[in-house]
């Protein structure tokens, strides 16, 4: 099972503005699970590409001021 270092289940953030652009363009998402390595590196644990339109149902919520758009979270287990 993929999880945070503290044992909490991991999640992926999707930003609505970018997601809608990808959907209109019949675009693809690329998801990468990684582990930090040293001070400036990372090790890719798993990756997956898929059409933006094939994501599970997203529940949008306020994203605050971050990126100026709403966001949704998807559990890592929903993708991998």
N, C-alpha and C. Protein backbone atom coordinates (compact mmCIF):
# COMPACT_ATOMS: atom_id res chain seq x y z
N UNK A 1 0.83 -1.18 0.00
CA UNK A 1 0.00 0.00 0.00
C UNK A 1 0.88 1.25 0.00
N UNK A 2 0.49 2.23 -0.79
CA UNK A 2 1.21 3.49 -0.85
C UNK A 2 0.64 4.44 0.20
N UNK A 3 1.53 5.07 0.96
CA UNK A 3 1.08 5.94 2.03
C UNK A 3 2.15 6.97 2.35
N UNK A 4 1.77 7.97 3.14
CA UNK A 4 2.73 8.96 3.62
C UNK A 4 3.68 8.30 4.60
N UNK A 5 4.80 8.96 4.86
CA UNK A 5 5.79 8.39 5.78
C UNK A 5 5.22 8.23 7.19
N UNK A 6 4.19 8.99 7.54
CA UNK A 6 3.60 8.86 8.87
C UNK A 6 2.48 7.81 8.92
N UNK A 7 2.30 7.07 7.81
CA UNK A 7 1.31 6.00 7.78
C UNK A 7 -0.07 6.42 7.29
N UNK A 8 -0.29 7.72 7.09
CA UNK A 8 -1.58 8.19 6.60
C UNK A 8 -1.74 7.82 5.13
N UNK A 9 -2.97 7.55 4.71
CA UNK A 9 -3.17 7.23 3.30
C UNK A 9 -2.84 8.45 2.42
N UNK A 10 -2.24 8.20 1.31
CA UNK A 10 -1.85 9.29 0.42
C UNK A 10 -3.00 9.75 -0.45
N UNK A 11 -2.87 10.95 -0.98
CA UNK A 11 -3.86 11.46 -1.92
C UNK A 11 -3.18 12.32 -2.98
N UNK A 12 -3.91 12.54 -4.04
CA UNK A 12 -3.43 13.35 -5.15
C UNK A 12 -4.37 14.54 -5.27
N UNK A 13 -3.83 15.72 -5.55
CA UNK A 13 -4.66 16.91 -5.72
C UNK A 13 -4.84 17.19 -7.21
N UNK A 14 -6.08 17.52 -7.54
CA UNK A 14 -6.42 17.90 -8.91
C UNK A 14 -6.97 19.32 -8.83
N UNK A 15 -6.48 20.20 -9.68
CA UNK A 15 -6.95 21.58 -9.69
C UNK A 15 -7.92 21.76 -10.85
N UNK A 16 -9.09 22.31 -10.53
CA UNK A 16 -10.20 22.36 -11.47
C UNK A 16 -9.86 23.08 -12.78
N UNK A 17 -9.26 24.24 -12.69
CA UNK A 17 -8.94 25.01 -13.90
C UNK A 17 -8.09 24.19 -14.88
N UNK A 18 -7.07 23.54 -14.37
CA UNK A 18 -6.17 22.77 -15.23
C UNK A 18 -6.85 21.49 -15.71
N UNK A 19 -7.63 20.88 -14.83
CA UNK A 19 -8.34 19.66 -15.20
C UNK A 19 -9.32 19.93 -16.35
N UNK A 20 -10.05 21.04 -16.27
CA UNK A 20 -11.01 21.36 -17.33
C UNK A 20 -10.32 21.66 -18.65
N UNK A 21 -9.15 22.30 -18.61
CA UNK A 21 -8.38 22.53 -19.84
C UNK A 21 -7.97 21.21 -20.47
N UNK A 22 -7.50 20.30 -19.65
CA UNK A 22 -7.10 18.98 -20.17
C UNK A 22 -8.29 18.25 -20.77
N UNK A 23 -9.42 18.28 -20.11
CA UNK A 23 -10.62 17.58 -20.63
C UNK A 23 -11.05 18.16 -21.97
N UNK A 24 -11.06 19.48 -22.09
CA UNK A 24 -11.45 20.11 -23.36
C UNK A 24 -10.51 19.73 -24.49
N UNK A 25 -9.25 19.50 -24.17
CA UNK A 25 -8.25 19.15 -25.17
C UNK A 25 -8.06 17.64 -25.31
N UNK A 26 -8.94 16.86 -24.66
CA UNK A 26 -8.82 15.40 -24.65
C UNK A 26 -7.43 14.99 -24.15
N UNK A 27 -7.00 15.69 -23.10
CA UNK A 27 -5.65 15.50 -22.57
C UNK A 27 -5.50 14.33 -21.61
N UNK A 28 -4.28 14.15 -21.18
CA UNK A 28 -3.90 13.06 -20.28
C UNK A 28 -3.31 13.61 -18.99
N UNK A 29 -3.50 12.86 -17.92
CA UNK A 29 -2.86 13.14 -16.64
C UNK A 29 -1.74 12.13 -16.44
N UNK A 30 -0.71 12.56 -15.77
CA UNK A 30 0.36 11.64 -15.37
C UNK A 30 0.51 11.77 -13.87
N UNK A 31 0.32 10.67 -13.16
CA UNK A 31 0.45 10.66 -11.71
C UNK A 31 1.71 9.91 -11.33
N UNK A 32 2.43 10.47 -10.37
CA UNK A 32 3.69 9.87 -9.93
C UNK A 32 3.71 9.82 -8.41
N UNK A 33 3.99 8.65 -7.88
CA UNK A 33 4.21 8.48 -6.44
C UNK A 33 5.72 8.40 -6.26
N UNK A 34 6.24 9.21 -5.35
CA UNK A 34 7.69 9.24 -5.17
C UNK A 34 8.05 9.26 -3.69
N UNK A 35 9.30 8.93 -3.43
CA UNK A 35 9.86 9.04 -2.08
C UNK A 35 11.03 10.00 -2.16
N UNK A 36 11.11 10.93 -1.21
CA UNK A 36 12.27 11.82 -1.18
C UNK A 36 13.55 11.02 -1.01
N UNK A 37 14.61 11.50 -1.63
CA UNK A 37 15.90 10.82 -1.53
C UNK A 37 16.98 11.88 -1.33
N UNK A 38 17.61 11.83 -0.20
CA UNK A 38 18.62 12.83 0.10
C UNK A 38 18.00 14.21 0.27
N UNK A 39 18.77 15.23 -0.02
CA UNK A 39 18.28 16.60 0.17
C UNK A 39 17.56 17.14 -1.05
N UNK A 40 17.88 16.66 -2.23
CA UNK A 40 17.29 17.28 -3.42
C UNK A 40 16.82 16.27 -4.46
N UNK A 41 16.73 15.02 -4.10
CA UNK A 41 16.33 14.03 -5.08
C UNK A 41 15.06 13.30 -4.69
N UNK A 42 14.63 12.43 -5.57
CA UNK A 42 13.47 11.59 -5.28
C UNK A 42 13.59 10.29 -6.07
N UNK A 43 12.91 9.29 -5.57
CA UNK A 43 12.84 8.00 -6.25
C UNK A 43 11.39 7.78 -6.65
N UNK A 44 11.17 7.51 -7.94
CA UNK A 44 9.82 7.24 -8.41
C UNK A 44 9.44 5.83 -7.99
N UNK A 45 8.34 5.70 -7.26
CA UNK A 45 7.86 4.42 -6.77
C UNK A 45 6.90 3.79 -7.79
N UNK A 46 6.04 4.64 -8.34
CA UNK A 46 5.05 4.15 -9.29
C UNK A 46 4.54 5.33 -10.11
N UNK A 47 4.19 5.08 -11.38
CA UNK A 47 3.59 6.13 -12.18
C UNK A 47 2.49 5.55 -13.05
N UNK A 48 1.60 6.43 -13.49
CA UNK A 48 0.48 5.99 -14.32
C UNK A 48 -0.05 7.17 -15.12
N UNK A 49 -0.35 6.92 -16.38
CA UNK A 49 -0.97 7.93 -17.23
C UNK A 49 -2.38 7.49 -17.57
N UNK A 50 -3.25 8.46 -17.75
CA UNK A 50 -4.62 8.14 -18.14
C UNK A 50 -5.31 9.38 -18.65
N UNK A 51 -6.35 9.18 -19.42
CA UNK A 51 -7.11 10.31 -19.94
C UNK A 51 -7.76 11.07 -18.79
N UNK A 52 -7.71 12.34 -18.90
CA UNK A 52 -8.29 13.21 -17.88
C UNK A 52 -9.77 12.91 -17.67
N UNK A 53 -10.45 12.52 -18.72
CA UNK A 53 -11.89 12.23 -18.63
C UNK A 53 -12.19 10.91 -17.93
N UNK A 54 -11.18 10.09 -17.69
CA UNK A 54 -11.38 8.79 -17.06
C UNK A 54 -11.18 8.81 -15.54
N UNK A 55 -10.92 9.97 -14.97
CA UNK A 55 -10.73 10.04 -13.52
C UNK A 55 -12.03 9.71 -12.80
N UNK A 56 -11.93 9.24 -11.56
CA UNK A 56 -13.15 9.01 -10.78
C UNK A 56 -13.90 10.34 -10.59
N UNK A 57 -15.15 10.27 -10.18
CA UNK A 57 -15.94 11.47 -9.94
C UNK A 57 -15.21 12.38 -8.94
N UNK A 58 -15.08 13.64 -9.31
CA UNK A 58 -14.36 14.60 -8.47
C UNK A 58 -15.34 15.47 -7.70
N UNK A 59 -15.03 15.72 -6.44
CA UNK A 59 -15.83 16.61 -5.60
C UNK A 59 -15.00 17.87 -5.36
N UNK A 60 -15.38 18.96 -6.01
CA UNK A 60 -14.62 20.20 -5.94
C UNK A 60 -14.90 20.93 -4.64
N UNK A 61 -13.86 21.53 -4.10
CA UNK A 61 -14.01 22.34 -2.89
C UNK A 61 -13.07 23.51 -3.01
N UNK A 62 -13.25 24.47 -2.14
CA UNK A 62 -12.41 25.66 -2.20
C UNK A 62 -10.95 25.34 -2.06
N UNK A 63 -10.14 25.98 -2.83
CA UNK A 63 -8.70 25.76 -2.76
C UNK A 63 -7.99 26.90 -2.06
N UNK A 64 -8.77 27.81 -1.46
CA UNK A 64 -8.15 28.98 -0.84
C UNK A 64 -7.53 29.84 -1.92
N UNK A 65 -6.46 30.51 -1.59
CA UNK A 65 -5.78 31.36 -2.56
C UNK A 65 -4.80 30.58 -3.42
N UNK A 66 -4.60 29.32 -3.08
CA UNK A 66 -3.61 28.53 -3.80
C UNK A 66 -4.04 28.29 -5.25
N UNK A 67 -3.31 28.80 -6.18
CA UNK A 67 -3.54 28.66 -7.62
C UNK A 67 -4.86 29.26 -8.09
N UNK A 68 -5.60 29.89 -7.21
CA UNK A 68 -6.81 30.60 -7.61
C UNK A 68 -7.90 29.73 -8.21
N UNK A 69 -7.97 28.49 -7.85
CA UNK A 69 -8.97 27.59 -8.40
C UNK A 69 -9.40 26.58 -7.36
N UNK A 70 -10.52 25.92 -7.60
CA UNK A 70 -10.97 24.86 -6.68
C UNK A 70 -10.10 23.63 -6.86
N UNK A 71 -10.18 22.74 -5.88
CA UNK A 71 -9.38 21.52 -5.96
C UNK A 71 -10.19 20.32 -5.50
N UNK A 72 -9.72 19.17 -5.91
CA UNK A 72 -10.32 17.89 -5.47
C UNK A 72 -9.16 16.99 -5.07
N UNK A 73 -9.43 16.09 -4.15
CA UNK A 73 -8.43 15.10 -3.75
C UNK A 73 -8.91 13.73 -4.18
N UNK A 74 -7.96 12.95 -4.67
CA UNK A 74 -8.24 11.57 -5.07
C UNK A 74 -7.30 10.68 -4.27
N UNK A 75 -7.82 9.65 -3.66
CA UNK A 75 -6.97 8.71 -2.93
C UNK A 75 -6.03 7.99 -3.89
N UNK A 76 -4.81 7.79 -3.46
CA UNK A 76 -3.84 7.09 -4.30
C UNK A 76 -4.39 5.73 -4.72
N UNK A 77 -5.10 5.07 -3.82
CA UNK A 77 -5.64 3.74 -4.15
C UNK A 77 -6.71 3.80 -5.24
N UNK A 78 -7.30 4.98 -5.48
CA UNK A 78 -8.28 5.12 -6.56
C UNK A 78 -7.62 5.19 -7.93
N UNK A 79 -6.35 5.50 -7.96
CA UNK A 79 -5.61 5.62 -9.22
C UNK A 79 -4.73 4.40 -9.46
N UNK A 80 -4.03 3.96 -8.40
CA UNK A 80 -3.07 2.86 -8.56
C UNK A 80 -3.66 1.55 -8.06
